[in-house]
């Protein structure tokens, strides 16, 4: 791994994440997946590692919701 960053959840990233079908469950609440994405101003595509966490009723930490699905963030 050369570097890691947290990506902005732009429309392009949302569209790339929306087509991901294969998620690996780490536990009952957390899943991971990967895809590639190339923004308009990037010279090449890059690998995106995706992490989603199911919302819990008593969870006080909030992230951005994953494509308008309030079950995940």
PDB file of N, CA and C in Angstrom:
ATOM      1  N   UNK A   1       0.851  -1.169   0.000  1.00  0.00           N
ATOM      2  CA  UNK A   1       0.000   0.000   0.000  1.00  0.00           C
ATOM      3  C   UNK A   1       0.900   1.236   0.000  1.00  0.00           C
ATOM      4  N   UNK A   2       0.675   2.109  -0.989  1.00  0.00           N
ATOM      5  CA  UNK A   2       1.491   3.313  -1.080  1.00  0.00           C
ATOM      6  C   UNK A   2       0.926   4.443  -0.226  1.00  0.00           C
ATOM      7  N   UNK A   3      -0.380   4.529  -0.138  1.00  0.00           N
ATOM      8  CA  UNK A   3      -1.012   5.547   0.687  1.00  0.00           C
ATOM      9  C   UNK A   3      -2.469   5.176   0.899  1.00  0.00           C
ATOM     10  N   UNK A   4      -3.097   5.802   1.853  1.00  0.00           N
ATOM     11  CA  UNK A   4      -4.527   5.601   2.106  1.00  0.00           C
ATOM     12  C   UNK A   4      -5.135   6.956   2.453  1.00  0.00           C
ATOM     13  N   UNK A   5      -6.320   7.197   1.956  1.00  0.00           N
ATOM     14  CA  UNK A   5      -7.038   8.434   2.254  1.00  0.00           C
ATOM     15  C   UNK A   5      -8.508   8.101   2.472  1.00  0.00           C
ATOM     16  N   UNK A   6      -9.185   8.991   3.091  1.00  0.00           N
ATOM     17  CA  UNK A   6     -10.634   8.887   3.224  1.00  0.00           C
ATOM     18  C   UNK A   6     -11.222   9.700   2.066  1.00  0.00           C
ATOM     19  N   UNK A   7     -12.050   9.067   1.245  1.00  0.00           N
ATOM     20  CA  UNK A   7     -12.566   9.735   0.044  1.00  0.00           C
ATOM     21  C   UNK A   7     -13.803  10.565   0.357  1.00  0.00           C
ATOM     22  N   UNK A   8     -13.947  11.669  -0.364  1.00  0.00           N
ATOM     23  CA  UNK A   8     -15.185  12.449  -0.284  1.00  0.00           C
ATOM     24  C   UNK A   8     -16.296  11.631  -0.916  1.00  0.00           C
ATOM     25  N   UNK A   9     -17.465  11.695  -0.362  1.00  0.00           N
ATOM     26  CA  UNK A   9     -18.601  10.901  -0.837  1.00  0.00           C
ATOM     27  C   UNK A   9     -19.335  11.678  -1.937  1.00  0.00           C
ATOM     28  N   UNK A  10     -18.654  11.851  -3.063  1.00  0.00           N
ATOM     29  CA  UNK A  10     -19.199  12.603  -4.195  1.00  0.00           C
ATOM     30  C   UNK A  10     -20.192  11.745  -4.973  1.00  0.00           C
ATOM     31  N   UNK A  11     -20.869  12.339  -5.915  1.00  0.00           N
ATOM     32  CA  UNK A  11     -21.809  11.604  -6.751  1.00  0.00           C
ATOM     33  C   UNK A  11     -21.154  10.458  -7.501  1.00  0.00           C
ATOM     34  N   UNK A  12     -19.944  10.684  -8.017  1.00  0.00           N
ATOM     35  CA  UNK A  12     -19.225   9.630  -8.728  1.00  0.00           C
ATOM     36  C   UNK A  12     -18.877   8.460  -7.824  1.00  0.00           C
ATOM     37  N   UNK A  13     -18.423   8.744  -6.614  1.00  0.00           N
ATOM     38  CA  UNK A  13     -18.102   7.684  -5.660  1.00  0.00           C
ATOM     39  C   UNK A  13     -19.384   6.937  -5.271  1.00  0.00           C
ATOM     40  N   UNK A  14     -20.475   7.665  -5.050  1.00  0.00           N
ATOM     41  CA  UNK A  14     -21.751   7.016  -4.712  1.00  0.00           C
ATOM     42  C   UNK A  14     -22.176   6.055  -5.814  1.00  0.00           C
ATOM     43  N   UNK A  15     -22.030   6.475  -7.065  1.00  0.00           N
ATOM     44  CA  UNK A  15     -22.412   5.598  -8.183  1.00  0.00           C
ATOM     45  C   UNK A  15     -21.520   4.361  -8.244  1.00  0.00           C
ATOM     46  N   UNK A  16     -20.226   4.541  -7.990  1.00  0.00           N
ATOM     47  CA  UNK A  16     -19.303   3.402  -7.999  1.00  0.00           C
ATOM     48  C   UNK A  16     -19.640   2.413  -6.880  1.00  0.00           C
ATOM     49  N   UNK A  17     -19.985   2.922  -5.718  1.00  0.00           N
ATOM     50  CA  UNK A  17     -20.327   2.066  -4.574  1.00  0.00           C
ATOM     51  C   UNK A  17     -21.667   1.362  -4.809  1.00  0.00           C
ATOM     52  N   UNK A  18     -22.589   2.044  -5.453  1.00  0.00           N
ATOM     53  CA  UNK A  18     -23.942   1.492  -5.644  1.00  0.00           C
ATOM     54  C   UNK A  18     -23.947   0.204  -6.467  1.00  0.00           C
ATOM     55  N   UNK A  19     -22.973   0.024  -7.342  1.00  0.00           N
ATOM     56  CA  UNK A  19     -22.959  -1.172  -8.188  1.00  0.00           C
ATOM     57  C   UNK A  19     -22.204  -2.340  -7.555  1.00  0.00           C
ATOM     58  N   UNK A  20     -21.583  -2.130  -6.404  1.00  0.00           N
ATOM     59  CA  UNK A  20     -20.858  -3.207  -5.728  1.00  0.00           C
ATOM     60  C   UNK A  20     -21.870  -4.211  -5.181  1.00  0.00           C
ATOM     61  N   UNK A  21     -21.702  -5.466  -5.555  1.00  0.00           N
ATOM     62  CA  UNK A  21     -22.623  -6.524  -5.122  1.00  0.00           C
ATOM     63  C   UNK A  21     -21.990  -7.473  -4.119  1.00  0.00           C
ATOM     64  N   UNK A  22     -20.670  -7.595  -4.147  1.00  0.00           N
ATOM     65  CA  UNK A  22     -19.998  -8.562  -3.288  1.00  0.00           C
ATOM     66  C   UNK A  22     -19.394  -7.877  -2.064  1.00  0.00           C
ATOM     67  N   UNK A  23     -20.049  -8.029  -0.937  1.00  0.00           N
ATOM     68  CA  UNK A  23     -19.569  -7.497   0.325  1.00  0.00           C
ATOM     69  C   UNK A  23     -19.144  -8.666   1.210  1.00  0.00           C
ATOM     70  N   UNK A  24     -18.029  -8.524   1.888  1.00  0.00           N
ATOM     71  CA  UNK A  24     -17.552  -9.552   2.820  1.00  0.00           C
ATOM     72  C   UNK A  24     -17.909  -9.111   4.228  1.00  0.00           C
ATOM     73  N   UNK A  25     -18.690  -9.921   4.922  1.00  0.00           N
ATOM     74  CA  UNK A  25     -19.098  -9.583   6.284  1.00  0.00           C
ATOM     75  C   UNK A  25     -17.973  -9.902   7.256  1.00  0.00           C
ATOM     76  N   UNK A  26     -17.570  -8.905   8.028  1.00  0.00           N
ATOM     77  CA  UNK A  26     -16.570  -9.117   9.063  1.00  0.00           C
ATOM     78  C   UNK A  26     -17.224  -9.558  10.364  1.00  0.00           C
ATOM     79  N   UNK A  27     -18.400  -9.013  10.624  1.00  0.00           N
ATOM     80  CA  UNK A  27     -19.255  -9.446  11.728  1.00  0.00           C
ATOM     81  C   UNK A  27     -20.679  -9.087  11.352  1.00  0.00           C
ATOM     82  N   UNK A  28     -21.604  -9.175  12.283  1.00  0.00           N
ATOM     83  CA  UNK A  28     -23.016  -8.940  11.943  1.00  0.00           C
ATOM     84  C   UNK A  28     -23.313  -7.493  11.556  1.00  0.00           C
ATOM     85  N   UNK A  29     -22.411  -6.565  11.878  1.00  0.00           N
ATOM     86  CA  UNK A  29     -22.652  -5.143  11.610  1.00  0.00           C
ATOM     87  C   UNK A  29     -21.713  -4.509  10.589  1.00  0.00           C
ATOM     88  N   UNK A  30     -20.571  -5.105  10.321  1.00  0.00           N
ATOM     89  CA  UNK A  30     -19.563  -4.478   9.467  1.00  0.00           C
ATOM     90  C   UNK A  30     -19.258  -5.359   8.264  1.00  0.00           C
ATOM     91  N   UNK A  31     -19.251  -4.737   7.062  1.00  0.00           N
ATOM     92  CA  UNK A  31     -18.906  -5.430   5.821  1.00  0.00           C
ATOM     93  C   UNK A  31     -17.884  -4.596   5.065  1.00  0.00           C
ATOM     94  N   UNK A  32     -17.075  -5.266   4.234  1.00  0.00           N
ATOM     95  CA  UNK A  32     -16.082  -4.582   3.414  1.00  0.00           C
ATOM     96  C   UNK A  32     -16.201  -5.057   1.967  1.00  0.00           C
ATOM     97  N   UNK A  33     -15.759  -4.221   1.054  1.00  0.00           N
ATOM     98  CA  UNK A  33     -15.742  -4.554  -0.372  1.00  0.00           C
ATOM     99  C   UNK A  33     -14.678  -3.682  -1.018  1.00  0.00           C
ATOM    100  N   UNK A  34     -14.491  -3.871  -2.322  1.00  0.00           N
ATOM    101  CA  UNK A  34     -13.567  -3.008  -3.048  1.00  0.00           C
ATOM    102  C   UNK A  34     -14.060  -2.809  -4.472  1.00  0.00           C
ATOM    103  N   UNK A  35     -13.619  -1.713  -5.054  1.00  0.00           N
ATOM    104  CA  UNK A  35     -13.925  -1.390  -6.439  1.00  0.00           C
ATOM    105  C   UNK A  35     -12.840  -0.445  -6.935  1.00  0.00           C
ATOM    106  N   UNK A  36     -12.885  -0.098  -8.196  1.00  0.00           N
ATOM    107  CA  UNK A  36     -11.983   0.926  -8.711  1.00  0.00           C
ATOM    108  C   UNK A  36     -12.802   2.140  -9.104  1.00  0.00           C
ATOM    109  N   UNK A  37     -12.158   3.294  -9.074  1.00  0.00           N
ATOM    110  CA  UNK A  37     -12.842   4.545  -9.386  1.00  0.00           C
ATOM    111  C   UNK A  37     -11.833   5.512  -9.979  1.00  0.00           C
ATOM    112  N   UNK A  38     -12.273   6.264 -10.987  1.00  0.00           N
ATOM    113  CA  UNK A  38     -11.436   7.309 -11.564  1.00  0.00           C
ATOM    114  C   UNK A  38     -12.230   8.602 -11.616  1.00  0.00           C
ATOM    115  N   UNK A  39     -11.807   9.574 -10.851  1.00  0.00           N
ATOM    116  CA  UNK A  39     -12.430  10.891 -10.876  1.00  0.00           C
ATOM    117  C   UNK A  39     -12.027  11.601 -12.170  1.00  0.00           C
ATOM    118  N   UNK A  40     -12.774  12.618 -12.519  1.00  0.00           N
ATOM    119  CA  UNK A  40     -12.530  13.335 -13.777  1.00  0.00           C
ATOM    120  C   UNK A  40     -11.126  13.917 -13.865  1.00  0.00           C
ATOM    121  N   UNK A  41     -10.602  14.405 -12.766  1.00  0.00           N
ATOM    122  CA  UNK A  41      -9.293  15.060 -12.803  1.00  0.00           C
ATOM    123  C   UNK A  41      -8.138  14.128 -12.442  1.00  0.00           C
ATOM    124  N   UNK A  42      -8.383  12.826 -12.312  1.00  0.00           N
ATOM    125  CA  UNK A  42      -7.324  11.865 -12.017  1.00  0.00           C
ATOM    126  C   UNK A  42      -6.761  11.306 -13.311  1.00  0.00           C
ATOM    127  N   UNK A  43      -5.471  11.057 -13.351  1.00  0.00           N
ATOM    128  CA  UNK A  43      -4.824  10.487 -14.531  1.00  0.00           C
ATOM    129  C   UNK A  43      -5.130   8.998 -14.701  1.00  0.00           C
ATOM    130  N   UNK A  44      -5.453   8.333 -13.602  1.00  0.00           N
ATOM    131  CA  UNK A  44      -5.751   6.895 -13.675  1.00  0.00           C
ATOM    132  C   UNK A  44      -6.751   6.521 -12.581  1.00  0.00           C
ATOM    133  N   UNK A  45      -7.291   5.329 -12.696  1.00  0.00           N
ATOM    134  CA  UNK A  45      -8.230   4.865 -11.679  1.00  0.00           C
ATOM    135  C   UNK A  45      -7.471   4.391 -10.448  1.00  0.00           C
ATOM    136  N   UNK A  46      -8.171   4.370  -9.342  1.00  0.00           N
ATOM    137  CA  UNK A  46      -7.582   3.929  -8.080  1.00  0.00           C
ATOM    138  C   UNK A  46      -8.512   2.941  -7.400  1.00  0.00           C
ATOM    139  N   UNK A  47      -7.937   2.113  -6.574  1.00  0.00           N
ATOM    140  CA  UNK A  47      -8.704   1.119  -5.827  1.00  0.00           C
ATOM    141  C   UNK A  47      -9.360   1.792  -4.640  1.00  0.00           C
ATOM    142  N   UNK A  48     -10.656   1.535  -4.457  1.00  0.00           N
ATOM    143  CA  UNK A  48     -11.380   2.015  -3.284  1.00  0.00           C
ATOM    144  C   UNK A  48     -11.712   0.814  -2.409  1.00  0.00           C
ATOM    145  N   UNK A  49     -11.314   0.865  -1.175  1.00  0.00           N
ATOM    146  CA  UNK A  49     -11.713  -0.141  -0.197  1.00  0.00           C
ATOM    147  C   UNK A  49     -12.888   0.454   0.560  1.00  0.00           C
ATOM    148  N   UNK A  50     -13.996  -0.263   0.562  1.00  0.00           N
ATOM    149  CA  UNK A  50     -15.244   0.249   1.116  1.00  0.00           C
ATOM    150  C   UNK A  50     -15.552  -0.443   2.442  1.00  0.00           C
ATOM    151  N   UNK A  51     -16.006   0.323   3.388  1.00  0.00           N
ATOM    152  CA  UNK A  51     -16.406  -0.217   4.687  1.00  0.00           C
ATOM    153  C   UNK A  51     -17.805   0.306   4.980  1.00  0.00           C
ATOM    154  N   UNK A  52     -18.708  -0.605   5.300  1.00  0.00           N
ATOM    155  CA  UNK A  52     -20.046  -0.165   5.700  1.00  0.00           C
ATOM    156  C   UNK A  52     -20.360  -0.772   7.053  1.00  0.00           C
ATOM    157  N   UNK A  53     -21.075   0.005   7.857  1.00  0.00           N
ATOM    158  CA  UNK A  53     -21.446  -0.439   9.191  1.00  0.00           C
ATOM    159  C   UNK A  53     -22.935  -0.235   9.368  1.00  0.00           C
ATOM    160  N   UNK A  54     -23.606  -1.303   9.780  1.00  0.00           N
ATOM    161  CA  UNK A  54     -25.053  -1.227  10.017  1.00  0.00           C
ATOM    162  C   UNK A  54     -25.305  -0.316  11.209  1.00  0.00           C
ATOM    163  N   UNK A  55     -26.284   0.561  11.075  1.00  0.00           N
ATOM    164  CA  UNK A  55     -26.642   1.445  12.177  1.00  0.00           C
ATOM    165  C   UNK A  55     -27.259   0.645  13.316  1.00  0.00           C
ATOM    166  N   UNK A  56     -26.911   1.032  14.507  1.00  0.00           N
ATOM    167  CA  UNK A  56     -27.502   0.426  15.699  1.00  0.00           C
ATOM    168  C   UNK A  56     -28.360   1.466  16.383  1.00  0.00           C
ATOM    169  N   UNK A  57     -29.433   1.040  17.002  1.00  0.00           N
ATOM    170  CA  UNK A  57     -30.363   1.999  17.621  1.00  0.00           C
ATOM    171  C   UNK A  57     -29.694   2.857  18.685  1.00  0.00           C
ATOM    172  N   UNK A  58     -28.765   2.295  19.440  1.00  0.00           N
ATOM    173  CA  UNK A  58     -28.116   3.053  20.507  1.00  0.00           C
ATOM    174  C   UNK A  58     -26.800   3.679  20.068  1.00  0.00           C
ATOM    175  N   UNK A  59     -26.497   3.610  18.803  1.00  0.00           N
ATOM    176  CA  UNK A  59     -25.238   4.135  18.270  1.00  0.00           C
ATOM    177  C   UNK A  59     -25.287   5.658  18.221  1.00  0.00           C
ATOM    178  N   UNK A  60     -24.342   6.316  18.854  1.00  0.00           N
ATOM    179  CA  UNK A  60     -24.328   7.782  18.869  1.00  0.00           C
ATOM    180  C   UNK A  60     -23.355   8.366  17.861  1.00  0.00           C
ATOM    181  N   UNK A  61     -22.550   7.531  17.208  1.00  0.00           N
ATOM    182  CA  UNK A  61     -21.610   8.010  16.200  1.00  0.00           C
ATOM    183  C   UNK A  61     -22.313   7.982  14.850  1.00  0.00           C
ATOM    184  N   UNK A  62     -22.261   9.065  14.123  1.00  0.00           N
ATOM    185  CA  UNK A  62     -22.942   9.141  12.834  1.00  0.00           C
ATOM    186  C   UNK A  62     -21.955   9.410  11.723  1.00  0.00           C
ATOM    187  N   UNK A  63     -22.041   8.633  10.661  1.00  0.00           N
ATOM    188  CA  UNK A  63     -21.278   8.878   9.450  1.00  0.00           C
ATOM    189  C   UNK A  63     -22.269   9.236   8.357  1.00  0.00           C
ATOM    190  N   UNK A  64     -21.805   9.308   7.150  1.00  0.00           N
ATOM    191  CA  UNK A  64     -22.715   9.584   6.041  1.00  0.00           C
ATOM    192  C   UNK A  64     -23.470   8.323   5.694  1.00  0.00           C
ATOM    193  N   UNK A  65     -24.739   8.489   5.360  1.00  0.00           N
ATOM    194  CA  UNK A  65     -25.537   7.327   5.001  1.00  0.00           C
ATOM    195  C   UNK A  65     -25.170   6.842   3.616  1.00  0.00           C
ATOM    196  N   UNK A  66     -25.155   5.531   3.451  1.00  0.00           N
ATOM    197  CA  UNK A  66     -24.753   4.901   2.209  1.00  0.00           C
ATOM    198  C   UNK A  66     -25.918   4.876   1.246  1.00  0.00           C
ATOM    199  N   UNK A  67     -25.824   5.611   0.186  1.00  0.00           N
ATOM    200  CA  UNK A  67     -26.836   5.788  -0.846  1.00  0.00           C
ATOM    201  C   UNK A  67     -28.257   5.732  -0.326  1.00  0.00           C
ATOM    202  N   UNK A  68     -28.569   6.651   0.549  1.00  0.00           N
ATOM    203  CA  UNK A  68     -29.913   6.850   1.092  1.00  0.00           C
ATOM    204  C   UNK A  68     -30.489   5.604   1.747  1.00  0.00           C
ATOM    205  N   UNK A  69     -29.651   4.702   2.198  1.00  0.00           N
ATOM    206  CA  UNK A  69     -30.101   3.527   2.946  1.00  0.00           C
ATOM    207  C   UNK A  69     -29.774   3.777   4.405  1.00  0.00           C
ATOM    208  N   UNK A  70     -30.764   4.131   5.222  1.00  0.00           N
ATOM    209  CA  UNK A  70     -30.488   4.465   6.607  1.00  0.00           C
ATOM    210  C   UNK A  70     -30.025   3.268   7.440  1.00  0.00           C
ATOM    211  N   UNK A  71     -30.037   2.065   6.860  1.00  0.00           N
ATOM    212  CA  UNK A  71     -29.576   0.884   7.588  1.00  0.00           C
ATOM    213  C   UNK A  71     -28.064   0.858   7.731  1.00  0.00           C
ATOM    214  N   UNK A  72     -27.362   1.564   6.823  1.00  0.00           N
ATOM    215  CA  UNK A  72     -25.902   1.562   6.823  1.00  0.00           C
ATOM    216  C   UNK A  72     -25.366   2.971   6.823  1.00  0.00           C
ATOM    217  N   UNK A  73     -24.123   3.114   7.269  1.00  0.00           N
ATOM    218  CA  UNK A  73     -23.417   4.394   7.151  1.00  0.00           C
ATOM    219  C   UNK A  73     -22.022   4.123   6.697  1.00  0.00           C
TER     220      UNK A  73
END
